Amino acid sequence: MREMAEQYMAARGIEKRIREIGLPARAERAMTAGNTSSSGHRGTTTWAEWLGRDREAASGRMAA
């Protein structure tokens, strides 16, 4: 979770401290396994691609 938060913040240029919080064991296992939604749609976009695509869309909005 921390690594994802660091990547998200770096992609957005956010420079803040990340605080560790505990999650219930069941929730942590589900997040680590990638099971964020039992009824969620599955695609092929990776986290890194999503971060980059979102940054490109944001820069497009700023340029318009």
PDB file of N, CA and C in Angstrom:
ATOM      1  N   MET A   1       0.808  -1.184   0.000  1.00  0.00           N
ATOM      2  CA  MET A   1       0.000   0.000   0.000  1.00  0.00           C
ATOM      3  C   MET A   1       0.861   1.263   0.000  1.00  0.00           C
ATOM      4  N   ARG A   2       1.916   1.243   0.790  1.00  0.00           N
ATOM      5  CA  ARG A   2       2.781   2.420   0.861  1.00  0.00           C
ATOM      6  C   ARG A   2       3.403   2.711  -0.503  1.00  0.00           C
ATOM      7  N   GLU A   3       3.837   1.664  -1.178  1.00  0.00           N
ATOM      8  CA  GLU A   3       4.469   1.835  -2.488  1.00  0.00           C
ATOM      9  C   GLU A   3       3.487   2.466  -3.481  1.00  0.00           C
ATOM     10  N   MET A   4       2.242   2.031  -3.454  1.00  0.00           N
ATOM     11  CA  MET A   4       1.239   2.612  -4.350  1.00  0.00           C
ATOM     12  C   MET A   4       1.000   4.080  -4.013  1.00  0.00           C
ATOM     13  N   ALA A   5       0.949   4.386  -2.730  1.00  0.00           N
ATOM     14  CA  ALA A   5       0.750   5.782  -2.318  1.00  0.00           C
ATOM     15  C   ALA A   5       1.926   6.641  -2.774  1.00  0.00           C
ATOM     16  N   GLU A   6       3.145   6.116  -2.650  1.00  0.00           N
ATOM     17  CA  GLU A   6       4.334   6.858  -3.085  1.00  0.00           C
ATOM     18  C   GLU A   6       4.302   7.095  -4.589  1.00  0.00           C
ATOM     19  N   GLN A   7       3.918   6.082  -5.356  1.00  0.00           N
ATOM     20  CA  GLN A   7       3.844   6.220  -6.808  1.00  0.00           C
ATOM     21  C   GLN A   7       2.772   7.237  -7.199  1.00  0.00           C
ATOM     22  N   TYR A   8       1.627   7.185  -6.546  1.00  0.00           N
ATOM     23  CA  TYR A   8       0.542   8.116  -6.830  1.00  0.00           C
ATOM     24  C   TYR A   8       0.982   9.551  -6.545  1.00  0.00           C
ATOM     25  N   MET A   9       1.596   9.749  -5.402  1.00  0.00           N
ATOM     26  CA  MET A   9       2.022  11.085  -5.016  1.00  0.00           C
ATOM     27  C   MET A   9       3.112  11.612  -5.951  1.00  0.00           C
ATOM     28  N   ALA A  10       4.031  10.744  -6.345  1.00  0.00           N
ATOM     29  CA  ALA A  10       5.088  11.162  -7.268  1.00  0.00           C
ATOM     30  C   ALA A  10       4.500  11.559  -8.623  1.00  0.00           C
ATOM     31  N   ALA A  11       3.510  10.804  -9.092  1.00  0.00           N
ATOM     32  CA  ALA A  11       2.876  11.109 -10.378  1.00  0.00           C
ATOM     33  C   ALA A  11       2.127  12.438 -10.339  1.00  0.00           C
ATOM     34  N   ARG A  12       1.662  12.826  -9.166  1.00  0.00           N
ATOM     35  CA  ARG A  12       0.908  14.071  -9.017  1.00  0.00           C
ATOM     36  C   ARG A  12       1.771  15.229  -8.520  1.00  0.00           C
ATOM     37  N   GLY A  13       3.029  14.958  -8.199  1.00  0.00           N
ATOM     38  CA  GLY A  13       3.905  16.004  -7.692  1.00  0.00           C
ATOM     39  C   GLY A  13       3.568  16.415  -6.263  1.00  0.00           C
ATOM     40  N   ILE A  14       3.001  15.500  -5.507  1.00  0.00           N
ATOM     41  CA  ILE A  14       2.627  15.773  -4.115  1.00  0.00           C
ATOM     42  C   ILE A  14       3.802  15.418  -3.213  1.00  0.00           C
ATOM     43  N   GLU A  15       4.185  16.356  -2.387  1.00  0.00           N
ATOM     44  CA  GLU A  15       5.301  16.119  -1.469  1.00  0.00           C
ATOM     45  C   GLU A  15       4.813  16.216  -0.033  1.00  0.00           C
ATOM     46  N   LYS A  16       4.228  15.163   0.439  1.00  0.00           N
ATOM     47  CA  LYS A  16       3.752  15.092   1.821  1.00  0.00           C
ATOM     48  C   LYS A  16       4.212  13.791   2.434  1.00  0.00           C
ATOM     49  N   ARG A  17       4.201  13.769   3.746  1.00  0.00           N
ATOM     50  CA  ARG A  17       4.598  12.565   4.468  1.00  0.00           C
ATOM     51  C   ARG A  17       3.475  11.537   4.398  1.00  0.00           C
ATOM     52  N   ILE A  18       3.855  10.287   4.288  1.00  0.00           N
ATOM     53  CA  ILE A  18       2.887   9.196   4.288  1.00  0.00           C
ATOM     54  C   ILE A  18       2.884   8.583   5.682  1.00  0.00           C
ATOM     55  N   ARG A  19       1.710   8.472   6.243  1.00  0.00           N
ATOM     56  CA  ARG A  19       1.589   7.860   7.560  1.00  0.00           C
ATOM     57  C   ARG A  19       1.086   6.441   7.414  1.00  0.00           C
ATOM     58  N   GLU A  20       1.660   5.565   8.194  1.00  0.00           N
ATOM     59  CA  GLU A  20       1.246   4.163   8.190  1.00  0.00           C
ATOM     60  C   GLU A  20      -0.013   4.016   9.049  1.00  0.00           C
ATOM     61  N   ILE A  21      -0.979   3.298   8.535  1.00  0.00           N
ATOM     62  CA  ILE A  21      -2.162   2.970   9.317  1.00  0.00           C
ATOM     63  C   ILE A  21      -2.383   1.471   9.203  1.00  0.00           C
ATOM     64  N   GLY A  22      -2.948   0.916  10.204  1.00  0.00           N
ATOM     65  CA  GLY A  22      -3.224  -0.510  10.176  1.00  0.00           C
ATOM     66  C   GLY A  22      -4.571  -0.796   9.520  1.00  0.00           C
ATOM     67  N   LEU A  23      -4.621  -1.863   8.785  1.00  0.00           N
ATOM     68  CA  LEU A  23      -5.871  -2.331   8.197  1.00  0.00           C
ATOM     69  C   LEU A  23      -6.237  -3.647   8.864  1.00  0.00           C
ATOM     70  N   PRO A  24      -7.508  -3.950   8.931  1.00  0.00           N
ATOM     71  CA  PRO A  24      -7.873  -5.286   9.409  1.00  0.00           C
ATOM     72  C   PRO A  24      -7.217  -6.337   8.513  1.00  0.00           C
ATOM     73  N   ALA A  25      -6.812  -7.438   9.091  1.00  0.00           N
ATOM     74  CA  ALA A  25      -6.064  -8.470   8.360  1.00  0.00           C
ATOM     75  C   ALA A  25      -6.777  -8.906   7.081  1.00  0.00           C
ATOM     76  N   ARG A  26      -8.079  -9.082   7.145  1.00  0.00           N
ATOM     77  CA  ARG A  26      -8.837  -9.538   5.973  1.00  0.00           C
ATOM     78  C   ARG A  26      -8.777  -8.505   4.844  1.00  0.00           C
ATOM     79  N   ALA A  27      -8.920  -7.237   5.185  1.00  0.00           N
ATOM     80  CA  ALA A  27      -8.859  -6.175   4.179  1.00  0.00           C
ATOM     81  C   ALA A  27      -7.460  -6.079   3.580  1.00  0.00           C
ATOM     82  N   GLU A  28      -6.452  -6.199   4.419  1.00  0.00           N
ATOM     83  CA  GLU A  28      -5.068  -6.140   3.922  1.00  0.00           C
ATOM     84  C   GLU A  28      -4.778  -7.289   2.967  1.00  0.00           C
ATOM     85  N   ARG A  29      -5.216  -8.483   3.312  1.00  0.00           N
ATOM     86  CA  ARG A  29      -4.993  -9.640   2.419  1.00  0.00           C
ATOM     87  C   ARG A  29      -5.692  -9.429   1.075  1.00  0.00           C
ATOM     88  N   ALA A  30      -6.906  -8.901   1.110  1.00  0.00           N
ATOM     89  CA  ALA A  30      -7.650  -8.674  -0.132  1.00  0.00           C
ATOM     90  C   ALA A  30      -6.954  -7.632  -1.008  1.00  0.00           C
ATOM     91  N   MET A  31      -6.483  -6.547  -0.402  1.00  0.00           N
ATOM     92  CA  MET A  31      -5.790  -5.497  -1.160  1.00  0.00           C
ATOM     93  C   MET A  31      -4.490  -6.027  -1.759  1.00  0.00           C
ATOM     94  N   THR A  32      -3.743  -6.789  -0.974  1.00  0.00           N
ATOM     95  CA  THR A  32      -2.469  -7.307  -1.466  1.00  0.00           C
ATOM     96  C   THR A  32      -2.681  -8.314  -2.590  1.00  0.00           C
ATOM     97  N   ALA A  33      -3.780  -9.033  -2.540  1.00  0.00           N
ATOM     98  CA  ALA A  33      -4.067 -10.019  -3.581  1.00  0.00           C
ATOM     99  C   ALA A  33      -4.678  -9.376  -4.823  1.00  0.00           C
ATOM    100  N   GLY A  34      -5.005  -8.086  -4.737  1.00  0.00           N
ATOM    101  CA  GLY A  34      -5.590  -7.407  -5.887  1.00  0.00           C
ATOM    102  C   GLY A  34      -7.092  -7.525  -5.958  1.00  0.00           C
ATOM    103  N   ASN A  35      -7.701  -8.029  -4.907  1.00  0.00           N
ATOM    104  CA  ASN A  35      -9.159  -8.204  -4.888  1.00  0.00           C
ATOM    105  C   ASN A  35      -9.817  -6.973  -4.282  1.00  0.00           C
ATOM    106  N   THR A  36      -9.893  -5.920  -5.047  1.00  0.00           N
ATOM    107  CA  THR A  36     -10.457  -4.692  -4.513  1.00  0.00           C
ATOM    108  C   THR A  36     -11.975  -4.633  -4.662  1.00  0.00           C
ATOM    109  N   SER A  37     -12.540  -5.425  -5.548  1.00  0.00           N
ATOM    110  CA  SER A  37     -13.980  -5.454  -5.709  1.00  0.00           C
ATOM    111  C   SER A  37     -14.398  -6.811  -6.268  1.00  0.00           C
ATOM    112  N   SER A  38     -15.288  -7.466  -5.566  1.00  0.00           N
ATOM    113  CA  SER A  38     -15.709  -8.792  -6.025  1.00  0.00           C
ATOM    114  C   SER A  38     -16.527  -8.712  -7.309  1.00  0.00           C
ATOM    115  N   SER A  39     -17.164  -7.567  -7.561  1.00  0.00           N
ATOM    116  CA  SER A  39     -17.969  -7.442  -8.779  1.00  0.00           C
ATOM    117  C   SER A  39     -17.340  -6.474  -9.777  1.00  0.00           C
ATOM    118  N   GLY A  40     -16.078  -6.126  -9.556  1.00  0.00           N
ATOM    119  CA  GLY A  40     -15.413  -5.157 -10.419  1.00  0.00           C
ATOM    120  C   GLY A  40     -15.082  -5.715 -11.791  1.00  0.00           C
ATOM    121  N   HIS A  41     -15.036  -4.825 -12.756  1.00  0.00           N
ATOM    122  CA  HIS A  41     -14.647  -5.212 -14.105  1.00  0.00           C
ATOM    123  C   HIS A  41     -13.135  -5.331 -14.158  1.00  0.00           C
ATOM    124  N   ARG A  42     -12.645  -6.289 -14.877  1.00  0.00           N
ATOM    125  CA  ARG A  42     -11.205  -6.510 -14.996  1.00  0.00           C
ATOM    126  C   ARG A  42     -10.749  -6.035 -16.367  1.00  0.00           C
ATOM    127  N   GLY A  43      -9.692  -5.273 -16.378  1.00  0.00           N
ATOM    128  CA  GLY A  43      -9.163  -4.762 -17.637  1.00  0.00           C
ATOM    129  C   GLY A  43      -7.701  -5.119 -17.785  1.00  0.00           C
ATOM    130  N   THR A  44      -7.039  -4.422 -18.679  1.00  0.00           N
ATOM    131  CA  THR A  44      -5.632  -4.720 -18.938  1.00  0.00           C
ATOM    132  C   THR A  44      -4.724  -3.554 -18.590  1.00  0.00           C
ATOM    133  N   THR A  45      -5.273  -2.450 -18.100  1.00  0.00           N
ATOM    134  CA  THR A  45      -4.464  -1.288 -17.760  1.00  0.00           C
ATOM    135  C   THR A  45      -3.718  -1.542 -16.457  1.00  0.00           C
ATOM    136  N   THR A  46      -2.421  -1.337 -16.468  1.00  0.00           N
ATOM    137  CA  THR A  46      -1.628  -1.498 -15.252  1.00  0.00           C
ATOM    138  C   THR A  46      -1.697  -0.220 -14.420  1.00  0.00           C
ATOM    139  N   TRP A  47      -1.263  -0.309 -13.184  1.00  0.00           N
ATOM    140  CA  TRP A  47      -1.227   0.861 -12.297  1.00  0.00           C
ATOM    141  C   TRP A  47      -0.344   1.948 -12.904  1.00  0.00           C
ATOM    142  N   ALA A  48       0.830   1.580 -13.398  1.00  0.00           N
ATOM    143  CA  ALA A  48       1.751   2.559 -13.993  1.00  0.00           C
ATOM    144  C   ALA A  48       1.129   3.222 -15.220  1.00  0.00           C
ATOM    145  N   GLU A  49       0.447   2.451 -16.050  1.00  0.00           N
ATOM    146  CA  GLU A  49      -0.216   3.021 -17.230  1.00  0.00           C
ATOM    147  C   GLU A  49      -1.316   3.985 -16.806  1.00  0.00           C
ATOM    148  N   TRP A  50      -2.084   3.604 -15.798  1.00  0.00           N
ATOM    149  CA  TRP A  50      -3.164   4.468 -15.332  1.00  0.00           C
ATOM    150  C   TRP A  50      -2.619   5.782 -14.784  1.00  0.00           C
ATOM    151  N   LEU A  51      -1.553   5.694 -14.005  1.00  0.00           N
ATOM    152  CA  LEU A  51      -0.942   6.916 -13.475  1.00  0.00           C
ATOM    153  C   LEU A  51      -0.476   7.826 -14.604  1.00  0.00           C
ATOM    154  N   GLY A  52       0.169   7.264 -15.612  1.00  0.00           N
ATOM    155  CA  GLY A  52       0.649   8.049 -16.747  1.00  0.00           C
ATOM    156  C   GLY A  52      -0.476   8.620 -17.576  1.00  0.00           C
ATOM    157  N   ARG A  53      -1.500   7.831 -17.811  1.00  0.00           N
ATOM    158  CA  ARG A  53      -2.640   8.284 -18.612  1.00  0.00           C
ATOM    159  C   ARG A  53      -3.358   9.418 -17.903  1.00  0.00           C
ATOM    160  N   ASP A  54      -3.522   9.302 -16.612  1.00  0.00           N
ATOM    161  CA  ASP A  54      -4.200  10.337 -15.844  1.00  0.00           C
ATOM    162  C   ASP A  54      -3.387  11.630 -15.877  1.00  0.00           C
ATOM    163  N   ARG A  55      -2.072  11.519 -15.821  1.00  0.00           N
ATOM    164  CA  ARG A  55      -1.207  12.707 -15.875  1.00  0.00           C
ATOM    165  C   ARG A  55      -1.323  13.368 -17.238  1.00  0.00           C
ATOM    166  N   GLU A  56      -1.358  12.558 -18.305  1.00  0.00           N
ATOM    167  CA  GLU A  56      -1.500  13.109 -19.661  1.00  0.00           C
ATOM    168  C   GLU A  56      -2.834  13.819 -19.815  1.00  0.00           C
ATOM    169  N   ALA A  57      -3.888  13.240 -19.271  1.00  0.00           N
ATOM    170  CA  ALA A  57      -5.213  13.875 -19.364  1.00  0.00           C
ATOM    171  C   ALA A  57      -5.216  15.186 -18.591  1.00  0.00           C
ATOM    172  N   ALA A  58      -4.584  15.204 -17.448  1.00  0.00           N
ATOM    173  CA  ALA A  58      -4.540  16.433 -16.642  1.00  0.00           C
ATOM    174  C   ALA A  58      -3.767  17.517 -17.360  1.00  0.00           C
ATOM    175  N   SER A  59      -2.651  17.161 -18.009  1.00  0.00           N
ATOM    176  CA  SER A  59      -1.873  18.177 -18.713  1.00  0.00           C
ATOM    177  C   SER A  59      -2.639  18.670 -19.940  1.00  0.00           C
ATOM    178  N   GLY A  60      -3.448  17.805 -20.549  1.00  0.00           N
ATOM    179  CA  GLY A  60      -4.279  18.222 -21.670  1.00  0.00           C
ATOM    180  C   GLY A  60      -5.342  19.217 -21.256  1.00  0.00           C
ATOM    181  N   ARG A  61      -5.911  18.987 -20.068  1.00  0.00           N
ATOM    182  CA  ARG A  61      -6.932  19.912 -19.553  1.00  0.00           C
ATOM    183  C   ARG A  61      -6.299  21.255 -19.239  1.00  0.00           C
ATOM    184  N   MET A  62      -5.069  21.240 -18.726  1.00  0.00           N
ATOM    185  CA  MET A  62      -4.413  22.488 -18.363  1.00  0.00           C
ATOM    186  C   MET A  62      -4.026  23.290 -19.603  1.00  0.00           C
ATOM    187  N   ALA A  63      -3.696  22.594 -20.688  1.00  0.00           N
ATOM    188  CA  ALA A  63      -3.245  23.280 -21.899  1.00  0.00           C
ATOM    189  C   ALA A  63      -4.420  23.875 -22.672  1.00  0.00           C
ATOM    190  N   ALA A  64      -5.590  23.330 -22.499  1.00  0.00           N
ATOM    191  CA  ALA A  64      -6.758  23.784 -23.272  1.00  0.00           C
ATOM    192  C   ALA A  64      -7.278  25.129 -22.829  1.00  0.00           C
TER     193      ALA A  64
END
